[in-house]
Full PDB file with SEQRES, HELIX, SHEET, SSBOND, CRYST1, ORIGX, SCALE, CONECT and MASTER records, all heavy atoms in Angstrom:
SEQRES   1 A   38  LYS LEU GLU LYS ARG LEU SER ALA ILE ARG ALA SER THR          
SEQRES   2 A   38  GLU ALA ALA LYS ILE ILE GLN ALA GLN ALA GLY ASP ASN          
SEQRES   3 A   38  GLU ASP ALA ARG SER GLY ALA LEU THR ALA LEU ILE              
HELIX    1 AA1 LEU A    2  GLN A   22  1                                  21    
HELIX    2 AA2 ASN A   26  ASP A   28  5                                   3    
HELIX    3 AA3 ALA A   29  LEU A   37  1                                   9    
CRYST1    1.000    1.000    1.000  90.00  90.00  90.00 P 1           1          
ORIGX1      1.000000  0.000000  0.000000        0.00000                         
ORIGX2      0.000000  1.000000  0.000000        0.00000                         
ORIGX3      0.000000  0.000000  1.000000        0.00000                         
SCALE1      1.000000  0.000000  0.000000        0.00000                         
SCALE2      0.000000  1.000000  0.000000        0.00000                         
SCALE3      0.000000  0.000000  1.000000        0.00000                         
ATOM      1  N   LYS A   1       1.578 -31.160 131.116  1.00  0.00           N  
ATOM      2  CA  LYS A   1       0.773 -30.193 131.844  1.00  0.00           C  
ATOM      3  C   LYS A   1      -0.804 -30.692 131.779  1.00  0.00           C  
ATOM      4  O   LYS A   1      -1.418 -30.636 132.654  1.00  0.00           O  
ATOM      5  CB  LYS A   1       0.831 -28.828 131.221  1.00  0.00           C  
ATOM      6  CG  LYS A   1       2.131 -28.167 131.478  1.00  0.00           C  
ATOM      7  CD  LYS A   1       2.233 -26.857 130.831  1.00  0.00           C  
ATOM      8  CE  LYS A   1       3.488 -26.121 131.067  1.00  0.00           C  
ATOM      9  NZ  LYS A   1       3.741 -24.856 130.284  1.00  0.00           N  
ATOM     10  N   LEU A   2      -1.096 -31.236 130.670  1.00  0.00           N  
ATOM     11  CA  LEU A   2      -2.536 -31.651 130.442  1.00  0.00           C  
ATOM     12  C   LEU A   2      -2.850 -32.952 131.316  1.00  0.00           C  
ATOM     13  O   LEU A   2      -3.780 -33.030 132.052  1.00  0.00           O  
ATOM     14  CB  LEU A   2      -2.771 -32.075 128.935  1.00  0.00           C  
ATOM     15  CG  LEU A   2      -4.236 -32.582 128.673  1.00  0.00           C  
ATOM     16  CD1 LEU A   2      -5.300 -31.424 128.857  1.00  0.00           C  
ATOM     17  CD2 LEU A   2      -4.275 -32.986 127.118  1.00  0.00           C  
ATOM     18  N   GLU A   3      -1.763 -33.805 131.479  1.00  0.00           N  
ATOM     19  CA  GLU A   3      -2.000 -34.944 132.194  1.00  0.00           C  
ATOM     20  C   GLU A   3      -2.143 -34.547 133.680  1.00  0.00           C  
ATOM     21  O   GLU A   3      -2.949 -35.141 134.491  1.00  0.00           O  
ATOM     22  CB  GLU A   3      -0.830 -35.987 132.084  1.00  0.00           C  
ATOM     23  CG  GLU A   3      -0.927 -37.177 132.990  1.00  0.00           C  
ATOM     24  CD  GLU A   3      -2.258 -38.019 132.830  1.00  0.00           C  
ATOM     25  OE1 GLU A   3      -2.758 -38.070 131.710  1.00  0.00           O  
ATOM     26  OE2 GLU A   3      -2.760 -38.461 133.780  1.00  0.00           O  
ATOM     27  N   LYS A   4      -1.398 -33.692 134.137  1.00  0.00           N  
ATOM     28  CA  LYS A   4      -1.586 -33.057 135.462  1.00  0.00           C  
ATOM     29  C   LYS A   4      -2.877 -32.658 135.711  1.00  0.00           C  
ATOM     30  O   LYS A   4      -3.505 -32.884 136.809  1.00  0.00           O  
ATOM     31  CB  LYS A   4      -0.398 -32.075 135.759  1.00  0.00           C  
ATOM     32  CG  LYS A   4      -0.159 -31.718 137.129  1.00  0.00           C  
ATOM     33  CD  LYS A   4       1.153 -30.873 137.146  1.00  0.00           C  
ATOM     34  CE  LYS A   4       1.584 -30.604 138.583  1.00  0.00           C  
ATOM     35  NZ  LYS A   4       2.697 -29.694 138.650  1.00  0.00           N  
ATOM     36  N   ARG A   5      -3.387 -31.853 134.774  1.00  0.00           N  
ATOM     37  CA  ARG A   5      -4.729 -31.306 135.013  1.00  0.00           C  
ATOM     38  C   ARG A   5      -5.745 -32.359 134.999  1.00  0.00           C  
ATOM     39  O   ARG A   5      -6.722 -32.364 135.788  1.00  0.00           O  
ATOM     40  CB  ARG A   5      -5.121 -30.250 133.920  1.00  0.00           C  
ATOM     41  CG  ARG A   5      -4.382 -28.950 134.107  1.00  0.00           C  
ATOM     42  CD  ARG A   5      -4.853 -27.861 133.048  1.00  0.00           C  
ATOM     43  NE  ARG A   5      -3.835 -27.793 132.147  1.00  0.00           N  
ATOM     44  CZ  ARG A   5      -3.907 -27.521 130.883  1.00  0.00           C  
ATOM     45  NH1 ARG A   5      -5.038 -27.425 130.435  1.00  0.00           N  
ATOM     46  NH2 ARG A   5      -2.933 -27.504 130.179  1.00  0.00           N  
ATOM     47  N   LEU A   6      -5.740 -33.258 134.031  1.00  0.00           N  
ATOM     48  CA  LEU A   6      -6.584 -34.431 133.921  1.00  0.00           C  
ATOM     49  C   LEU A   6      -6.539 -35.291 135.210  1.00  0.00           C  
ATOM     50  O   LEU A   6      -7.568 -35.735 135.694  1.00  0.00           O  
ATOM     51  CB  LEU A   6      -6.327 -35.275 132.773  1.00  0.00           C  
ATOM     52  CG  LEU A   6      -6.657 -34.594 131.353  1.00  0.00           C  
ATOM     53  CD1 LEU A   6      -6.268 -35.549 130.172  1.00  0.00           C  
ATOM     54  CD2 LEU A   6      -8.165 -34.308 131.304  1.00  0.00           C  
ATOM     55  N   SER A   7      -5.451 -35.559 135.801  1.00  0.00           N  
ATOM     56  CA  SER A   7      -5.274 -36.278 137.059  1.00  0.00           C  
ATOM     57  C   SER A   7      -5.944 -35.549 138.207  1.00  0.00           C  
ATOM     58  O   SER A   7      -6.729 -36.363 138.920  1.00  0.00           O  
ATOM     59  CB  SER A   7      -3.842 -36.539 137.382  1.00  0.00           C  
ATOM     60  OG  SER A   7      -3.248 -37.395 136.426  1.00  0.00           O  
ATOM     61  N   ALA A   8      -5.786 -34.350 138.166  1.00  0.00           N  
ATOM     62  CA  ALA A   8      -6.546 -33.520 139.320  1.00  0.00           C  
ATOM     63  C   ALA A   8      -8.020 -33.647 139.181  1.00  0.00           C  
ATOM     64  O   ALA A   8      -8.732 -33.796 140.168  1.00  0.00           O  
ATOM     65  CB  ALA A   8      -6.023 -32.086 139.286  1.00  0.00           C  
ATOM     66  N   ILE A   9      -8.506 -33.527 137.849  1.00  0.00           N  
ATOM     67  CA  ILE A   9      -9.910 -33.641 137.783  1.00  0.00           C  
ATOM     68  C   ILE A   9     -10.393 -34.969 138.018  1.00  0.00           C  
ATOM     69  O   ILE A   9     -11.480 -35.215 138.576  1.00  0.00           O  
ATOM     70  CB  ILE A   9     -10.264 -33.347 136.204  1.00  0.00           C  
ATOM     71  CG1 ILE A   9      -9.956 -31.750 135.973  1.00  0.00           C  
ATOM     72  CG2 ILE A   9     -11.719 -33.703 135.857  1.00  0.00           C  
ATOM     73  CD1 ILE A   9     -10.039 -31.382 134.502  1.00  0.00           C  
ATOM     74  N   ARG A  10      -9.630 -36.085 137.556  1.00  0.00           N  
ATOM     75  CA  ARG A  10     -10.037 -37.398 138.087  1.00  0.00           C  
ATOM     76  C   ARG A  10     -10.178 -37.609 139.438  1.00  0.00           C  
ATOM     77  O   ARG A  10     -11.080 -38.242 140.025  1.00  0.00           O  
ATOM     78  CB  ARG A  10      -9.147 -38.410 137.335  1.00  0.00           C  
ATOM     79  CG  ARG A  10      -9.436 -38.687 135.787  1.00  0.00           C  
ATOM     80  CD  ARG A  10      -8.641 -39.930 135.303  1.00  0.00           C  
ATOM     81  NE  ARG A  10      -7.213 -39.622 135.229  1.00  0.00           N  
ATOM     82  CZ  ARG A  10      -6.459 -39.123 134.143  1.00  0.00           C  
ATOM     83  NH1 ARG A  10      -7.118 -38.845 133.083  1.00  0.00           N  
ATOM     84  NH2 ARG A  10      -5.201 -38.961 134.135  1.00  0.00           N  
ATOM     85  N   ALA A  11      -9.051 -37.194 140.201  1.00  0.00           N  
ATOM     86  CA  ALA A  11      -8.986 -37.304 141.698  1.00  0.00           C  
ATOM     87  C   ALA A  11     -10.262 -36.484 142.134  1.00  0.00           C  
ATOM     88  O   ALA A  11     -10.754 -37.044 143.216  1.00  0.00           O  
ATOM     89  CB  ALA A  11      -7.640 -36.664 142.111  1.00  0.00           C  
ATOM     90  N   SER A  12     -10.468 -35.394 141.806  1.00  0.00           N  
ATOM     91  CA  SER A  12     -11.652 -34.509 142.375  1.00  0.00           C  
ATOM     92  C   SER A  12     -12.908 -35.245 142.123  1.00  0.00           C  
ATOM     93  O   SER A  12     -13.870 -35.337 142.944  1.00  0.00           O  
ATOM     94  CB  SER A  12     -11.681 -33.213 141.784  1.00  0.00           C  
ATOM     95  OG  SER A  12     -10.531 -32.482 142.225  1.00  0.00           O  
ATOM     96  N   THR A  13     -13.103 -35.802 140.958  1.00  0.00           N  
ATOM     97  CA  THR A  13     -14.373 -36.511 140.540  1.00  0.00           C  
ATOM     98  C   THR A  13     -14.459 -37.750 141.302  1.00  0.00           C  
ATOM     99  O   THR A  13     -15.652 -37.959 141.833  1.00  0.00           O  
ATOM    100  CB  THR A  13     -14.308 -36.865 139.009  1.00  0.00           C  
ATOM    101  OG1 THR A  13     -14.215 -35.735 138.310  1.00  0.00           O  
ATOM    102  CG2 THR A  13     -15.628 -37.655 138.627  1.00  0.00           C  
ATOM    103  N   GLU A  14     -13.380 -38.554 141.548  1.00  0.00           N  
ATOM    104  CA  GLU A  14     -13.500 -39.635 142.286  1.00  0.00           C  
ATOM    105  C   GLU A  14     -13.858 -39.354 143.776  1.00  0.00           C  
ATOM    106  O   GLU A  14     -14.545 -40.050 144.487  1.00  0.00           O  
ATOM    107  CB  GLU A  14     -12.085 -40.452 142.353  1.00  0.00           C  
ATOM    108  CG  GLU A  14     -12.169 -41.757 142.916  1.00  0.00           C  
ATOM    109  CD  GLU A  14     -13.213 -42.760 142.381  1.00  0.00           C  
ATOM    110  OE1 GLU A  14     -13.549 -42.685 141.056  1.00  0.00           O  
ATOM    111  OE2 GLU A  14     -13.724 -43.507 143.053  1.00  0.00           O  
ATOM    112  N   ALA A  15     -13.235 -38.276 144.346  1.00  0.00           N  
ATOM    113  CA  ALA A  15     -13.512 -37.920 145.654  1.00  0.00           C  
ATOM    114  C   ALA A  15     -14.999 -37.425 145.887  1.00  0.00           C  
ATOM    115  O   ALA A  15     -15.562 -37.724 146.830  1.00  0.00           O  
ATOM    116  CB  ALA A  15     -12.460 -36.743 146.095  1.00  0.00           C  
ATOM    117  N   ALA A  16     -15.535 -36.676 144.897  1.00  0.00           N  
ATOM    118  CA  ALA A  16     -16.843 -36.394 144.972  1.00  0.00           C  
ATOM    119  C   ALA A  16     -17.758 -37.555 144.938  1.00  0.00           C  
ATOM    120  O   ALA A  16     -18.777 -37.586 145.581  1.00  0.00           O  
ATOM    121  CB  ALA A  16     -17.151 -35.467 143.655  1.00  0.00           C  
ATOM    122  N   LYS A  17     -17.446 -38.617 144.138  1.00  0.00           N  
ATOM    123  CA  LYS A  17     -18.188 -39.860 144.114  1.00  0.00           C  
ATOM    124  C   LYS A  17     -18.231 -40.455 145.461  1.00  0.00           C  
ATOM    125  O   LYS A  17     -19.181 -41.036 145.931  1.00  0.00           O  
ATOM    126  CB  LYS A  17     -17.651 -40.843 143.051  1.00  0.00           C  
ATOM    127  CG  LYS A  17     -18.087 -40.461 141.563  1.00  0.00           C  
ATOM    128  CD  LYS A  17     -17.424 -41.439 140.565  1.00  0.00           C  
ATOM    129  CE  LYS A  17     -17.621 -40.937 139.179  1.00  0.00           C  
ATOM    130  NZ  LYS A  17     -17.046 -41.873 138.268  1.00  0.00           N  
ATOM    131  N   ILE A  18     -17.068 -40.538 146.109  1.00  0.00           N  
ATOM    132  CA  ILE A  18     -16.910 -41.231 147.480  1.00  0.00           C  
ATOM    133  C   ILE A  18     -17.621 -40.445 148.442  1.00  0.00           C  
ATOM    134  O   ILE A  18     -18.521 -41.059 149.236  1.00  0.00           O  
ATOM    135  CB  ILE A  18     -15.429 -41.225 147.790  1.00  0.00           C  
ATOM    136  CG1 ILE A  18     -14.654 -42.333 146.994  1.00  0.00           C  
ATOM    137  CG2 ILE A  18     -15.279 -41.619 149.241  1.00  0.00           C  
ATOM    138  CD1 ILE A  18     -13.191 -42.200 147.129  1.00  0.00           C  
ATOM    139  N   ILE A  19     -17.605 -39.051 148.355  1.00  0.00           N  
ATOM    140  CA  ILE A  19     -18.322 -38.184 149.251  1.00  0.00           C  
ATOM    141  C   ILE A  19     -19.888 -38.413 149.070  1.00  0.00           C  
ATOM    142  O   ILE A  19     -20.620 -38.702 150.079  1.00  0.00           O  
ATOM    143  CB  ILE A  19     -18.001 -36.660 149.065  1.00  0.00           C  
ATOM    144  CG1 ILE A  19     -16.591 -36.514 149.590  1.00  0.00           C  
ATOM    145  CG2 ILE A  19     -19.075 -35.798 149.769  1.00  0.00           C  
ATOM    146  CD1 ILE A  19     -16.046 -35.151 149.147  1.00  0.00           C  
ATOM    147  N   GLN A  20     -20.250 -38.479 147.794  1.00  0.00           N  
ATOM    148  CA  GLN A  20     -21.752 -38.715 147.608  1.00  0.00           C  
ATOM    149  C   GLN A  20     -22.131 -40.109 148.085  1.00  0.00           C  
ATOM    150  O   GLN A  20     -23.190 -40.259 148.648  1.00  0.00           O  
ATOM    151  CB  GLN A  20     -21.952 -38.689 145.944  1.00  0.00           C  
ATOM    152  CG  GLN A  20     -23.447 -38.770 145.673  1.00  0.00           C  
ATOM    153  CD  GLN A  20     -23.689 -38.597 144.122  1.00  0.00           C  
ATOM    154  OE1 GLN A  20     -22.680 -38.464 143.478  1.00  0.00           O  
ATOM    155  NE2 GLN A  20     -25.024 -38.555 143.823  1.00  0.00           N  
ATOM    156  N   ALA A  21     -21.284 -41.156 147.906  1.00  0.00           N  
ATOM    157  CA  ALA A  21     -21.681 -42.541 148.352  1.00  0.00           C  
ATOM    158  C   ALA A  21     -21.700 -42.567 149.905  1.00  0.00           C  
ATOM    159  O   ALA A  21     -22.563 -43.279 150.428  1.00  0.00           O  
ATOM    160  CB  ALA A  21     -20.616 -43.439 147.791  1.00  0.00           C  
ATOM    161  N   GLN A  22     -20.792 -41.813 150.506  1.00  0.00           N  
ATOM    162  CA  GLN A  22     -20.691 -42.028 151.938  1.00  0.00           C  
ATOM    163  C   GLN A  22     -21.558 -41.068 152.774  1.00  0.00           C  
ATOM    164  O   GLN A  22     -21.987 -41.449 153.884  1.00  0.00           O  
ATOM    165  CB  GLN A  22     -19.246 -41.781 152.356  1.00  0.00           C  
ATOM    166  CG  GLN A  22     -18.274 -42.877 151.893  1.00  0.00           C  
ATOM    167  CD  GLN A  22     -18.633 -44.322 152.188  1.00  0.00           C  
ATOM    168  OE1 GLN A  22     -18.970 -44.534 153.293  1.00  0.00           O  
ATOM    169  NE2 GLN A  22     -18.646 -45.292 151.268  1.00  0.00           N  
ATOM    170  N   ALA A  23     -21.849 -39.920 152.260  1.00  0.00           N  
ATOM    171  CA  ALA A  23     -22.639 -38.933 152.946  1.00  0.00           C  
ATOM    172  C   ALA A  23     -23.995 -38.803 152.371  1.00  0.00           C  
ATOM    173  O   ALA A  23     -24.080 -38.673 151.161  1.00  0.00           O  
ATOM    174  CB  ALA A  23     -21.953 -37.522 152.860  1.00  0.00           C  
ATOM    175  N   GLY A  24     -24.973 -38.856 153.195  1.00  0.00           N  
ATOM    176  CA  GLY A  24     -26.295 -38.554 152.774  1.00  0.00           C  
ATOM    177  C   GLY A  24     -26.486 -37.033 152.500  1.00  0.00           C  
ATOM    178  O   GLY A  24     -25.503 -36.447 152.566  1.00  0.00           O  
ATOM    179  N   ASP A  25     -27.491 -36.602 152.021  1.00  0.00           N  
ATOM    180  CA  ASP A  25     -27.541 -35.188 151.755  1.00  0.00           C  
ATOM    181  C   ASP A  25     -28.218 -34.443 152.913  1.00  0.00           C  
ATOM    182  O   ASP A  25     -28.653 -33.313 152.783  1.00  0.00           O  
ATOM    183  CB  ASP A  25     -28.364 -35.008 150.484  1.00  0.00           C  
ATOM    184  CG  ASP A  25     -28.005 -33.688 149.928  1.00  0.00           C  
ATOM    185  OD1 ASP A  25     -26.855 -33.173 150.014  1.00  0.00           O  
ATOM    186  OD2 ASP A  25     -28.888 -33.137 149.132  1.00  0.00           O  
ATOM    187  N   ASN A  26     -28.074 -35.034 154.165  1.00  0.00           N  
ATOM    188  CA  ASN A  26     -28.662 -34.261 155.228  1.00  0.00           C  
ATOM    189  C   ASN A  26     -27.778 -33.188 155.486  1.00  0.00           C  
ATOM    190  O   ASN A  26     -26.495 -33.211 155.521  1.00  0.00           O  
ATOM    191  CB  ASN A  26     -28.494 -35.211 156.490  1.00  0.00           C  
ATOM    192  CG  ASN A  26     -29.174 -36.546 156.358  1.00  0.00           C  
ATOM    193  OD1 ASN A  26     -30.158 -36.550 155.513  1.00  0.00           O  
ATOM    194  ND2 ASN A  26     -28.720 -37.607 156.999  1.00  0.00           N  
ATOM    195  N   GLU A  27     -28.423 -31.924 155.674  1.00  0.00           N  
ATOM    196  CA  GLU A  27     -27.778 -30.686 155.971  1.00  0.00           C  
ATOM    197  C   GLU A  27     -26.768 -30.352 154.836  1.00  0.00           C  
ATOM    198  O   GLU A  27     -25.952 -29.563 154.920  1.00  0.00           O  
ATOM    199  CB  GLU A  27     -26.927 -30.707 157.279  1.00  0.00           C  
ATOM    200  CG  GLU A  27     -27.823 -30.886 158.474  1.00  0.00           C  
ATOM    201  CD  GLU A  27     -26.895 -30.831 159.670  1.00  0.00           C  
ATOM    202  OE1 GLU A  27     -26.203 -29.724 159.885  1.00  0.00           O  
ATOM    203  OE2 GLU A  27     -26.877 -31.765 160.424  1.00  0.00           O  
ATOM    204  N   ASP A  28     -27.148 -30.921 153.729  1.00  0.00           N  
ATOM    205  CA  ASP A  28     -26.167 -30.716 152.455  1.00  0.00           C  
ATOM    206  C   ASP A  28     -24.669 -30.970 152.790  1.00  0.00           C  
ATOM    207  O   ASP A  28     -23.893 -30.172 152.448  1.00  0.00           O  
ATOM    208  CB  ASP A  28     -26.455 -29.235 152.014  1.00  0.00           C  
ATOM    209  CG  ASP A  28     -26.159 -29.095 150.470  1.00  0.00           C  
ATOM    210  OD1 ASP A  28     -26.053 -30.101 149.717  1.00  0.00           O  
ATOM    211  OD2 ASP A  28     -26.192 -28.005 149.997  1.00  0.00           O  
ATOM    212  N   ALA A  29     -24.417 -32.172 153.341  1.00  0.00           N  
ATOM    213  CA  ALA A  29     -23.070 -32.472 153.751  1.00  0.00           C  
ATOM    214  C   ALA A  29     -22.144 -32.586 152.513  1.00  0.00           C  
ATOM    215  O   ALA A  29     -20.947 -32.204 152.658  1.00  0.00           O  
ATOM    216  CB  ALA A  29     -23.075 -33.799 154.604  1.00  0.00           C  
ATOM    217  N   ARG A  30     -22.693 -33.039 151.446  1.00  0.00           N  
ATOM    218  CA  ARG A  30     -21.819 -33.306 150.163  1.00  0.00           C  
ATOM    219  C   ARG A  30     -21.413 -31.916 149.767  1.00  0.00           C  
ATOM    220  O   ARG A  30     -20.261 -31.719 149.415  1.00  0.00           O  
ATOM    221  CB  ARG A  30     -22.546 -33.873 149.074  1.00  0.00           C  
ATOM    222  CG  ARG A  30     -22.923 -35.345 149.406  1.00  0.00           C  
ATOM    223  CD  ARG A  30     -23.523 -35.975 148.146  1.00  0.00           C  
ATOM    224  NE  ARG A  30     -24.915 -35.459 148.202  1.00  0.00           N  
ATOM    225  CZ  ARG A  30     -25.963 -36.100 147.658  1.00  0.00           C  
ATOM    226  NH1 ARG A  30     -25.868 -37.194 147.074  1.00  0.00           N  
ATOM    227  NH2 ARG A  30     -27.154 -35.510 147.838  1.00  0.00           N  
ATOM    228  N   SER A  31     -22.279 -30.938 149.757  1.00  0.00           N  
ATOM    229  CA  SER A  31     -21.814 -29.427 149.394  1.00  0.00           C  
ATOM    230  C   SER A  31     -20.660 -28.978 150.188  1.00  0.00           C  
ATOM    231  O   SER A  31     -19.759 -28.348 149.766  1.00  0.00           O  
ATOM    232  CB  SER A  31     -22.984 -28.561 149.465  1.00  0.00           C  
ATOM    233  OG  SER A  31     -23.893 -28.835 148.402  1.00  0.00           O  
ATOM    234  N   GLY A  32     -20.822 -29.222 151.476  1.00  0.00           N  
ATOM    235  CA  GLY A  32     -19.702 -28.775 152.404  1.00  0.00           C  
ATOM    236  C   GLY A  32     -18.418 -29.535 152.156  1.00  0.00           C  
ATOM    237  O   GLY A  32     -17.291 -28.869 152.089  1.00  0.00           O  
ATOM    238  N   ALA A  33     -18.481 -30.768 151.880  1.00  0.00           N  
ATOM    239  CA  ALA A  33     -17.202 -31.494 151.547  1.00  0.00           C  
ATOM    240  C   ALA A  33     -16.652 -31.041 150.188  1.00  0.00           C  
ATOM    241  O   ALA A  33     -15.455 -30.951 150.044  1.00  0.00           O  
ATOM    242  CB  ALA A  33     -17.540 -33.027 151.516  1.00  0.00           C  
ATOM    243  N   LEU A  34     -17.525 -30.925 149.285  1.00  0.00           N  
ATOM    244  CA  LEU A  34     -17.059 -30.379 147.949  1.00  0.00           C  
ATOM    245  C   LEU A  34     -16.473 -29.093 147.980  1.00  0.00           C  
ATOM    246  O   LEU A  34     -15.468 -28.730 147.355  1.00  0.00           O  
ATOM    247  CB  LEU A  34     -18.215 -30.501 146.875  1.00  0.00           C  
ATOM    248  CG  LEU A  34     -18.650 -31.906 146.498  1.00  0.00           C  
ATOM    249  CD1 LEU A  34     -19.887 -31.905 145.592  1.00  0.00           C  
ATOM    250  CD2 LEU A  34     -17.485 -32.761 145.945  1.00  0.00           C  
ATOM    251  N   THR A  35     -17.028 -28.205 148.799  1.00  0.00           N  
ATOM    252  CA  THR A  35     -16.559 -26.829 148.984  1.00  0.00           C  
ATOM    253  C   THR A  35     -15.145 -26.876 149.553  1.00  0.00           C  
ATOM    254  O   THR A  35     -14.189 -26.208 149.150  1.00  0.00           O  
ATOM    255  CB  THR A  35     -17.409 -25.952 149.897  1.00  0.00           C  
ATOM    256  OG1 THR A  35     -18.758 -25.826 149.237  1.00  0.00           O  
ATOM    257  CG2 THR A  35     -16.827 -24.511 150.073  1.00  0.00           C  
ATOM    258  N   ALA A  36     -14.997 -27.753 150.656  1.00  0.00           N  
ATOM    259  CA  ALA A  36     -13.660 -27.911 151.150  1.00  0.00           C  
ATOM    260  C   ALA A  36     -12.709 -28.494 150.120  1.00  0.00           C  
ATOM    261  O   ALA A  36     -11.451 -27.995 150.128  1.00  0.00           O  
ATOM    262  CB  ALA A  36     -13.728 -28.899 152.387  1.00  0.00           C  
ATOM    263  N   LEU A  37     -13.025 -29.384 149.310  1.00  0.00           N  
ATOM    264  CA  LEU A  37     -12.299 -29.953 148.321  1.00  0.00           C  
ATOM    265  C   LEU A  37     -11.759 -28.863 147.345  1.00  0.00           C  
ATOM    266  O   LEU A  37     -10.526 -28.804 146.943  1.00  0.00           O  
ATOM    267  CB  LEU A  37     -12.873 -31.008 147.583  1.00  0.00           C  
ATOM    268  CG  LEU A  37     -12.253 -31.807 146.642  1.00  0.00           C  
ATOM    269  CD1 LEU A  37     -11.070 -32.540 147.150  1.00  0.00           C  
ATOM    270  CD2 LEU A  37     -13.132 -32.778 145.812  1.00  0.00           C  
ATOM    271  N   ILE A  38     -12.721 -28.078 146.938  1.00  0.00           N  
ATOM    272  CA  ILE A  38     -12.462 -26.873 145.943  1.00  0.00           C  
ATOM    273  C   ILE A  38     -11.502 -26.004 146.546  1.00  0.00           C  
ATOM    274  O   ILE A  38     -10.642 -25.561 145.892  1.00  0.00           O  
ATOM    275  CB  ILE A  38     -13.763 -26.317 145.449  1.00  0.00           C  
ATOM    276  CG1 ILE A  38     -14.487 -27.284 144.592  1.00  0.00           C  
ATOM    277  CG2 ILE A  38     -13.351 -25.086 144.732  1.00  0.00           C  
ATOM    278  CD1 ILE A  38     -15.860 -26.950 144.259  1.00  0.00           C  
TER     279      ILE A  38                                                      
MASTER        0    0    0    3    0    0    0    6  278    1    0    3          
END                                                                             
């Protein structure tokens, strides 16, 4: 159960890093992407 939770956290963290790297903060695009991810 813990590994499942940690994997989800790692995947979300990696996705957030990719979003941050690919999207500028114009119009707060990262927040929109992170909201969708959550």
